[in-house]
Amino acid sequence: MLHNDLLPILVCPTDHSPLGIADNSVNCPGQQGDRGEAGKEPRGTAVDQPLDGGLIRRDKTFLYPIVDNIPILLADEAIPLAQLL
């Protein structure tokens, strides 16, 4: 679990918008998306293991996974929320 003091300083790596905590029970099946390129909008990545949770971008389009209690704030690792439906 993220420390409460850390959340206010975490932002999306592409648009610098605030991130919010997703439900801790996020569990995504493995699906392949197109990988983003540096400086461009994230396009998603394969999800092949259950996640410890995630951080959702303000516009609710991408989720940044939390793996082993570490937020993965890399554009190439963002998961499109449409992929989770």
PDB file of N, CA and C in Angstrom:
ATOM      1  N   MET A   1       0.843  -1.180   0.000  1.00  0.00           N
ATOM      2  CA  MET A   1       0.000   0.000   0.000  1.00  0.00           C
ATOM      3  C   MET A   1       0.885   1.239   0.000  1.00  0.00           C
ATOM      4  N   LEU A   2       0.467   2.226  -0.746  1.00  0.00           N
ATOM      5  CA  LEU A   2       1.230   3.469  -0.815  1.00  0.00           C
ATOM      6  C   LEU A   2       1.060   4.283   0.456  1.00  0.00           C
ATOM      7  N   HIS A   3       2.111   4.933   0.842  1.00  0.00           N
ATOM      8  CA  HIS A   3       2.053   5.828   1.991  1.00  0.00           C
ATOM      9  C   HIS A   3       1.199   7.036   1.625  1.00  0.00           C
ATOM     10  N   ASN A   4       0.350   7.475   2.530  1.00  0.00           N
ATOM     11  CA  ASN A   4      -0.574   8.587   2.251  1.00  0.00           C
ATOM     12  C   ASN A   4       0.131   9.874   1.841  1.00  0.00           C
ATOM     13  N   ASP A   5       1.346  10.102   2.312  1.00  0.00           N
ATOM     14  CA  ASP A   5       2.070  11.319   1.958  1.00  0.00           C
ATOM     15  C   ASP A   5       2.612  11.276   0.532  1.00  0.00           C
ATOM     16  N   LEU A   6       2.694  10.086  -0.038  1.00  0.00           N
ATOM     17  CA  LEU A   6       3.260   9.936  -1.376  1.00  0.00           C
ATOM     18  C   LEU A   6       2.247  10.263  -2.474  1.00  0.00           C
ATOM     19  N   LEU A   7       0.992   9.915  -2.285  1.00  0.00           N
ATOM     20  CA  LEU A   7      -0.019  10.080  -3.326  1.00  0.00           C
ATOM     21  C   LEU A   7      -0.134  11.506  -3.876  1.00  0.00           C
ATOM     22  N   PRO A   8      -0.118  12.553  -3.063  1.00  0.00           N
ATOM     23  CA  PRO A   8      -0.266  13.900  -3.619  1.00  0.00           C
ATOM     24  C   PRO A   8       0.853  14.329  -4.574  1.00  0.00           C
ATOM     25  N   ILE A   9       2.000  13.689  -4.525  1.00  0.00           N
ATOM     26  CA  ILE A   9       3.091  14.105  -5.412  1.00  0.00           C
ATOM     27  C   ILE A   9       3.221  13.229  -6.650  1.00  0.00           C
ATOM     28  N   LEU A  10       2.438  12.143  -6.734  1.00  0.00           N
ATOM     29  CA  LEU A  10       2.495  11.270  -7.904  1.00  0.00           C
ATOM     30  C   LEU A  10       1.615  11.821  -9.016  1.00  0.00           C
ATOM     31  N   VAL A  11       2.182  11.901 -10.212  1.00  0.00           N
ATOM     32  CA  VAL A  11       1.441  12.411 -11.370  1.00  0.00           C
ATOM     33  C   VAL A  11       1.677  11.501 -12.568  1.00  0.00           C
ATOM     34  N   CYS A  12       0.797  11.611 -13.541  1.00  0.00           N
ATOM     35  CA  CYS A  12       0.928  10.858 -14.784  1.00  0.00           C
ATOM     36  C   CYS A  12       2.212  11.294 -15.492  1.00  0.00           C
ATOM     37  N   PRO A  13       3.007  10.348 -15.983  1.00  0.00           N
ATOM     38  CA  PRO A  13       4.258  10.717 -16.644  1.00  0.00           C
ATOM     39  C   PRO A  13       4.078  11.388 -18.006  1.00  0.00           C
ATOM     40  N   THR A  14       2.898  11.288 -18.603  1.00  0.00           N
ATOM     41  CA  THR A  14       2.710  11.898 -19.922  1.00  0.00           C
ATOM     42  C   THR A  14       2.039  13.264 -19.877  1.00  0.00           C
ATOM     43  N   ASP A  15       0.998  13.411 -19.039  1.00  0.00           N
ATOM     44  CA  ASP A  15       0.307  14.715 -19.025  1.00  0.00           C
ATOM     45  C   ASP A  15       0.399  15.419 -17.668  1.00  0.00           C
ATOM     46  N   HIS A  16       1.067  14.812 -16.710  1.00  0.00           N
ATOM     47  CA  HIS A  16       1.318  15.395 -15.386  1.00  0.00           C
ATOM     48  C   HIS A  16       0.046  15.672 -14.587  1.00  0.00           C
ATOM     49  N   SER A  17      -1.038  14.969 -14.930  1.00  0.00           N
ATOM     50  CA  SER A  17      -2.268  15.118 -14.159  1.00  0.00           C
ATOM     51  C   SER A  17      -2.185  14.264 -12.899  1.00  0.00           C
ATOM     52  N   PRO A  18      -2.960  14.610 -11.870  1.00  0.00           N
ATOM     53  CA  PRO A  18      -2.936  13.843 -10.628  1.00  0.00           C
ATOM     54  C   PRO A  18      -3.404  12.408 -10.844  1.00  0.00           C
ATOM     55  N   LEU A  19      -2.932  11.525  -9.984  1.00  0.00           N
ATOM     56  CA  LEU A  19      -3.333  10.119 -10.023  1.00  0.00           C
ATOM     57  C   LEU A  19      -4.099   9.790  -8.763  1.00  0.00           C
ATOM     58  N   GLY A  20      -5.069   8.903  -8.889  1.00  0.00           N
ATOM     59  CA  GLY A  20      -5.833   8.451  -7.737  1.00  0.00           C
ATOM     60  C   GLY A  20      -5.697   6.946  -7.575  1.00  0.00           C
ATOM     61  N   ILE A  21      -5.952   6.470  -6.390  1.00  0.00           N
ATOM     62  CA  ILE A  21      -5.842   5.042  -6.087  1.00  0.00           C
ATOM     63  C   ILE A  21      -7.011   4.287  -6.707  1.00  0.00           C
ATOM     64  N   ALA A  22      -6.695   3.194  -7.398  1.00  0.00           N
ATOM     65  CA  ALA A  22      -7.714   2.297  -7.928  1.00  0.00           C
ATOM     66  C   ALA A  22      -8.051   1.267  -6.861  1.00  0.00           C
ATOM     67  N   ASP A  23      -9.075   0.522  -7.084  1.00  0.00           N
ATOM     68  CA  ASP A  23      -9.455  -0.548  -6.182  1.00  0.00           C
ATOM     69  C   ASP A  23      -8.290  -1.522  -6.017  1.00  0.00           C
ATOM     70  N   ASN A  24      -8.012  -1.953  -4.801  1.00  0.00           N
ATOM     71  CA  ASN A  24      -6.893  -2.857  -4.535  1.00  0.00           C
ATOM     72  C   ASN A  24      -7.062  -4.242  -5.130  1.00  0.00           C
ATOM     73  N   SER A  25      -8.244  -4.580  -5.581  1.00  0.00           N
ATOM     74  CA  SER A  25      -8.478  -5.917  -6.115  1.00  0.00           C
ATOM     75  C   SER A  25      -8.370  -5.970  -7.635  1.00  0.00           C
ATOM     76  N   VAL A  26      -7.688  -5.015  -8.253  1.00  0.00           N
ATOM     77  CA  VAL A  26      -7.520  -5.011  -9.701  1.00  0.00           C
ATOM     78  C   VAL A  26      -6.824  -6.300 -10.100  1.00  0.00           C
ATOM     79  N   ASN A  27      -7.450  -7.046 -11.003  1.00  0.00           N
ATOM     80  CA  ASN A  27      -6.887  -8.309 -11.465  1.00  0.00           C
ATOM     81  C   ASN A  27      -7.175  -8.409 -12.950  1.00  0.00           C
ATOM     82  N   CYS A  28      -6.159  -8.230 -13.767  1.00  0.00           N
ATOM     83  CA  CYS A  28      -6.328  -8.166 -15.207  1.00  0.00           C
ATOM     84  C   CYS A  28      -5.826  -9.437 -15.871  1.00  0.00           C
ATOM     85  N   PRO A  29      -6.583  -9.966 -16.808  1.00  0.00           N
ATOM     86  CA  PRO A  29      -6.053 -11.084 -17.576  1.00  0.00           C
ATOM     87  C   PRO A  29      -4.973 -10.585 -18.522  1.00  0.00           C
ATOM     88  N   GLY A  30      -4.116 -11.452 -18.995  1.00  0.00           N
ATOM     89  CA  GLY A  30      -3.073 -11.057 -19.942  1.00  0.00           C
ATOM     90  C   GLY A  30      -3.675 -10.665 -21.280  1.00  0.00           C
ATOM     91  N   GLN A  31      -3.447  -9.443 -21.689  1.00  0.00           N
ATOM     92  CA  GLN A  31      -3.880  -8.953 -22.992  1.00  0.00           C
ATOM     93  C   GLN A  31      -2.777  -8.085 -23.537  1.00  0.00           C
ATOM     94  N   GLN A  32      -2.625  -8.061 -24.836  1.00  0.00           N
ATOM     95  CA  GLN A  32      -1.545  -7.294 -25.455  1.00  0.00           C
ATOM     96  C   GLN A  32      -2.101  -6.009 -26.049  1.00  0.00           C
ATOM     97  N   GLY A  33      -1.458  -4.901 -25.754  1.00  0.00           N
ATOM     98  CA  GLY A  33      -1.791  -3.617 -26.371  1.00  0.00           C
ATOM     99  C   GLY A  33      -0.564  -3.096 -27.092  1.00  0.00           C
ATOM    100  N   ASP A  34      -0.721  -2.044 -27.875  1.00  0.00           N
ATOM    101  CA  ASP A  34       0.430  -1.442 -28.542  1.00  0.00           C
ATOM    102  C   ASP A  34       1.247  -0.680 -27.530  1.00  0.00           C
ATOM    103  N   ARG A  35       2.541  -0.776 -27.586  1.00  0.00           N
ATOM    104  CA  ARG A  35       3.415  -0.073 -26.653  1.00  0.00           C
ATOM    105  C   ARG A  35       3.577   1.370 -27.102  1.00  0.00           C
ATOM    106  N   GLY A  36       3.543   2.276 -26.150  1.00  0.00           N
ATOM    107  CA  GLY A  36       3.721   3.693 -26.453  1.00  0.00           C
ATOM    108  C   GLY A  36       5.171   4.009 -26.753  1.00  0.00           C
ATOM    109  N   GLU A  37       5.405   5.160 -27.335  1.00  0.00           N
ATOM    110  CA  GLU A  37       6.764   5.622 -27.601  1.00  0.00           C
ATOM    111  C   GLU A  37       7.039   6.814 -26.710  1.00  0.00           C
ATOM    112  N   ALA A  38       8.299   7.044 -26.430  1.00  0.00           N
ATOM    113  CA  ALA A  38       8.687   8.155 -25.555  1.00  0.00           C
ATOM    114  C   ALA A  38       8.098   9.456 -26.069  1.00  0.00           C
ATOM    115  N   GLY A  39       7.507  10.226 -25.174  1.00  0.00           N
ATOM    116  CA  GLY A  39       6.944  11.522 -25.536  1.00  0.00           C
ATOM    117  C   GLY A  39       5.558  11.453 -26.135  1.00  0.00           C
ATOM    118  N   LYS A  40       5.009  10.254 -26.276  1.00  0.00           N
ATOM    119  CA  LYS A  40       3.678  10.102 -26.847  1.00  0.00           C
ATOM    120  C   LYS A  40       2.734   9.527 -25.804  1.00  0.00           C
ATOM    121  N   GLU A  41       1.457   9.600 -26.100  1.00  0.00           N
ATOM    122  CA  GLU A  41       0.433   9.083 -25.208  1.00  0.00           C
ATOM    123  C   GLU A  41       0.642   7.582 -24.993  1.00  0.00           C
ATOM    124  N   PRO A  42       0.493   7.100 -23.757  1.00  0.00           N
ATOM    125  CA  PRO A  42       0.653   5.666 -23.526  1.00  0.00           C
ATOM    126  C   PRO A  42      -0.416   4.880 -24.275  1.00  0.00           C
ATOM    127  N   ARG A  43      -0.054   3.708 -24.751  1.00  0.00           N
ATOM    128  CA  ARG A  43      -1.009   2.880 -25.478  1.00  0.00           C
ATOM    129  C   ARG A  43      -1.279   1.564 -24.782  1.00  0.00           C
ATOM    130  N   GLY A  44      -0.578   1.292 -23.717  1.00  0.00           N
ATOM    131  CA  GLY A  44      -0.846   0.083 -22.956  1.00  0.00           C
ATOM    132  C   GLY A  44       0.191  -0.986 -23.164  1.00  0.00           C
ATOM    133  N   THR A  45       0.163  -1.948 -22.296  1.00  0.00           N
ATOM    134  CA  THR A  45       1.123  -3.026 -22.318  1.00  0.00           C
ATOM    135  C   THR A  45       0.431  -4.314 -21.933  1.00  0.00           C
ATOM    136  N   ALA A  46       1.122  -5.426 -22.109  1.00  0.00           N
ATOM    137  CA  ALA A  46       0.560  -6.714 -21.737  1.00  0.00           C
ATOM    138  C   ALA A  46       0.411  -6.799 -20.221  1.00  0.00           C
ATOM    139  N   VAL A  47      -0.656  -7.415 -19.786  1.00  0.00           N
ATOM    140  CA  VAL A  47      -0.883  -7.644 -18.366  1.00  0.00           C
ATOM    141  C   VAL A  47      -0.927  -9.149 -18.187  1.00  0.00           C
ATOM    142  N   ASP A  48       0.096  -9.710 -17.559  1.00  0.00           N
ATOM    143  CA  ASP A  48       0.158 -11.163 -17.460  1.00  0.00           C
ATOM    144  C   ASP A  48       0.182 -11.675 -16.034  1.00  0.00           C
ATOM    145  N   GLN A  49      -0.078 -10.803 -15.070  1.00  0.00           N
ATOM    146  CA  GLN A  49      -0.113 -11.229 -13.677  1.00  0.00           C
ATOM    147  C   GLN A  49      -1.079 -10.344 -12.907  1.00  0.00           C
ATOM    148  N   PRO A  50      -1.630 -10.862 -11.804  1.00  0.00           N
ATOM    149  CA  PRO A  50      -2.486 -10.016 -10.973  1.00  0.00           C
ATOM    150  C   PRO A  50      -1.687  -8.831 -10.437  1.00  0.00           C
ATOM    151  N   LEU A  51      -2.358  -7.720 -10.289  1.00  0.00           N
ATOM    152  CA  LEU A  51      -1.706  -6.509  -9.797  1.00  0.00           C
ATOM    153  C   LEU A  51      -2.043  -6.305  -8.326  1.00  0.00           C
ATOM    154  N   ASP A  52      -1.167  -5.588  -7.623  1.00  0.00           N
ATOM    155  CA  ASP A  52      -1.427  -5.231  -6.229  1.00  0.00           C
ATOM    156  C   ASP A  52      -2.389  -4.054  -6.135  1.00  0.00           C
ATOM    157  N   GLY A  53      -2.717  -3.463  -7.233  1.00  0.00           N
ATOM    158  CA  GLY A  53      -3.579  -2.295  -7.291  1.00  0.00           C
ATOM    159  C   GLY A  53      -3.102  -1.418  -8.424  1.00  0.00           C
ATOM    160  N   GLY A  54      -3.535  -0.187  -8.431  1.00  0.00           N
ATOM    161  CA  GLY A  54      -3.123   0.704  -9.494  1.00  0.00           C
ATOM    162  C   GLY A  54      -3.449   2.143  -9.179  1.00  0.00           C
ATOM    163  N   LEU A  55      -2.895   3.011  -9.999  1.00  0.00           N
ATOM    164  CA  LEU A  55      -3.156   4.439  -9.916  1.00  0.00           C
ATOM    165  C   LEU A  55      -3.845   4.848 -11.214  1.00  0.00           C
ATOM    166  N   ILE A  56      -4.973   5.527 -11.085  1.00  0.00           N
ATOM    167  CA  ILE A  56      -5.763   5.912 -12.248  1.00  0.00           C
ATOM    168  C   ILE A  56      -5.534   7.382 -12.552  1.00  0.00           C
ATOM    169  N   ARG A  57      -5.328   7.662 -13.841  1.00  0.00           N
ATOM    170  CA  ARG A  57      -5.161   9.034 -14.297  1.00  0.00           C
ATOM    171  C   ARG A  57      -6.471   9.802 -14.130  1.00  0.00           C
ATOM    172  N   ARG A  58      -6.382  11.096 -13.960  1.00  0.00           N
ATOM    173  CA  ARG A  58      -7.551  11.943 -13.692  1.00  0.00           C
ATOM    174  C   ARG A  58      -8.660  11.762 -14.730  1.00  0.00           C
ATOM    175  N   ASP A  59      -8.301  11.611 -16.013  1.00  0.00           N
ATOM    176  CA  ASP A  59      -9.335  11.455 -17.046  1.00  0.00           C
ATOM    177  C   ASP A  59      -9.855  10.019 -17.154  1.00  0.00           C
ATOM    178  N   LYS A  60      -9.379   9.152 -16.280  1.00  0.00           N
ATOM    179  CA  LYS A  60      -9.835   7.773 -16.169  1.00  0.00           C
ATOM    180  C   LYS A  60      -9.645   6.972 -17.456  1.00  0.00           C
ATOM    181  N   THR A  61      -8.564   7.248 -18.185  1.00  0.00           N
ATOM    182  CA  THR A  61      -8.284   6.495 -19.400  1.00  0.00           C
ATOM    183  C   THR A  61      -7.182   5.465 -19.214  1.00  0.00           C
ATOM    184  N   PHE A  62      -6.282   5.679 -18.252  1.00  0.00           N
ATOM    185  CA  PHE A  62      -5.164   4.762 -18.047  1.00  0.00           C
ATOM    186  C   PHE A  62      -4.980   4.440 -16.581  1.00  0.00           C
ATOM    187  N   LEU A  63      -4.526   3.221 -16.344  1.00  0.00           N
ATOM    188  CA  LEU A  63      -4.177   2.764 -15.012  1.00  0.00           C
ATOM    189  C   LEU A  63      -2.698   2.429 -15.004  1.00  0.00           C
ATOM    190  N   TYR A  64      -1.987   2.947 -14.019  1.00  0.00           N
ATOM    191  CA  TYR A  64      -0.573   2.619 -13.831  1.00  0.00           C
ATOM    192  C   TYR A  64      -0.510   1.553 -12.751  1.00  0.00           C
ATOM    193  N   PRO A  65       0.041   0.380 -13.070  1.00  0.00           N
ATOM    194  CA  PRO A  65       0.012  -0.736 -12.121  1.00  0.00           C
ATOM    195  C   PRO A  65       0.888  -0.524 -10.905  1.00  0.00           C
ATOM    196  N   ILE A  66       0.489  -1.163  -9.824  1.00  0.00           N
ATOM    197  CA  ILE A  66       1.315  -1.258  -8.625  1.00  0.00           C
ATOM    198  C   ILE A  66       1.704  -2.726  -8.505  1.00  0.00           C
ATOM    199  N   VAL A  67       2.990  -3.002  -8.568  1.00  0.00           N
ATOM    200  CA  VAL A  67       3.511  -4.364  -8.512  1.00  0.00           C
ATOM    201  C   VAL A  67       4.472  -4.457  -7.337  1.00  0.00           C
ATOM    202  N   ASP A  68       4.248  -5.419  -6.470  1.00  0.00           N
ATOM    203  CA  ASP A  68       5.057  -5.569  -5.264  1.00  0.00           C
ATOM    204  C   ASP A  68       5.109  -4.271  -4.463  1.00  0.00           C
ATOM    205  N   ASN A  69       3.958  -3.587  -4.393  1.00  0.00           N
ATOM    206  CA  ASN A  69       3.800  -2.322  -3.666  1.00  0.00           C
ATOM    207  C   ASN A  69       4.637  -1.175  -4.230  1.00  0.00           C
ATOM    208  N   ILE A  70       5.038  -1.288  -5.497  1.00  0.00           N
ATOM    209  CA  ILE A  70       5.800  -0.232  -6.165  1.00  0.00           C
ATOM    210  C   ILE A  70       4.985   0.275  -7.347  1.00  0.00           C
ATOM    211  N   PRO A  71       4.620   1.563  -7.375  1.00  0.00           N
ATOM    212  CA  PRO A  71       3.898   2.090  -8.540  1.00  0.00           C
ATOM    213  C   PRO A  71       4.819   2.148  -9.758  1.00  0.00           C
ATOM    214  N   ILE A  72       4.342   1.621 -10.869  1.00  0.00           N
ATOM    215  CA  ILE A  72       5.110   1.608 -12.112  1.00  0.00           C
ATOM    216  C   ILE A  72       4.619   2.785 -12.957  1.00  0.00           C
ATOM    217  N   LEU A  73       5.291   3.917 -12.845  1.00  0.00           N
ATOM    218  CA  LEU A  73       4.865   5.143 -13.520  1.00  0.00           C
ATOM    219  C   LEU A  73       5.650   5.356 -14.804  1.00  0.00           C
ATOM    220  N   LEU A  74       5.559   4.393 -15.694  1.00  0.00           N
ATOM    221  CA  LEU A  74       6.187   4.467 -17.012  1.00  0.00           C
ATOM    222  C   LEU A  74       5.077   4.450 -18.054  1.00  0.00           C
ATOM    223  N   ALA A  75       5.153   5.352 -19.022  1.00  0.00           N
ATOM    224  CA  ALA A  75       4.121   5.441 -20.049  1.00  0.00           C
ATOM    225  C   ALA A  75       3.926   4.114 -20.764  1.00  0.00           C
ATOM    226  N   ASP A  76       4.998   3.381 -20.995  1.00  0.00           N
ATOM    227  CA  ASP A  76       4.901   2.097 -21.698  1.00  0.00           C
ATOM    228  C   ASP A  76       4.198   1.023 -20.870  1.00  0.00           C
ATOM    229  N   GLU A  77       4.068   1.227 -19.581  1.00  0.00           N
ATOM    230  CA  GLU A  77       3.438   0.235 -18.709  1.00  0.00           C
ATOM    231  C   GLU A  77       1.988   0.580 -18.382  1.00  0.00           C
ATOM    232  N   ALA A  78       1.493   1.714 -18.870  1.00  0.00           N
ATOM    233  CA  ALA A  78       0.104   2.125 -18.605  1.00  0.00           C
ATOM    234  C   ALA A  78      -0.853   1.115 -19.244  1.00  0.00           C
ATOM    235  N   ILE A  79      -1.945   0.845 -18.541  1.00  0.00           N
ATOM    236  CA  ILE A  79      -2.958  -0.087 -19.009  1.00  0.00           C
ATOM    237  C   ILE A  79      -4.202   0.727 -19.365  1.00  0.00           C
ATOM    238  N   PRO A  80      -4.646   0.686 -20.630  1.00  0.00           N
ATOM    239  CA  PRO A  80      -5.878   1.401 -20.973  1.00  0.00           C
ATOM    240  C   PRO A  80      -7.051   0.832 -20.180  1.00  0.00           C
ATOM    241  N   LEU A  81      -7.831   1.681 -19.549  1.00  0.00           N
ATOM    242  CA  LEU A  81      -8.944   1.193 -18.748  1.00  0.00           C
ATOM    243  C   LEU A  81      -9.975   0.467 -19.604  1.00  0.00           C
ATOM    244  N   ALA A  82     -10.093   0.807 -20.883  1.00  0.00           N
ATOM    245  CA  ALA A  82     -11.003   0.091 -21.767  1.00  0.00           C
ATOM    246  C   ALA A  82     -10.610  -1.378 -21.854  1.00  0.00           C
ATOM    247  N   GLN A  83      -9.342  -1.705 -21.684  1.00  0.00           N
ATOM    248  CA  GLN A  83      -8.844  -3.082 -21.733  1.00  0.00           C
ATOM    249  C   GLN A  83      -9.354  -3.882 -20.534  1.00  0.00           C
ATOM    250  N   LEU A  84      -9.673  -3.209 -19.448  1.00  0.00           N
ATOM    251  CA  LEU A  84     -10.097  -3.889 -18.229  1.00  0.00           C
ATOM    252  C   LEU A  84     -11.577  -4.214 -18.210  1.00  0.00           C
ATOM    253  N   LEU A  85     -12.331  -3.702 -19.170  1.00  0.00           N
ATOM    254  CA  LEU A  85     -13.789  -3.933 -19.188  1.00  0.00           C
ATOM    255  C   LEU A  85     -14.125  -5.282 -19.747  1.00  0.00           C
TER     256      LEU A  85
END
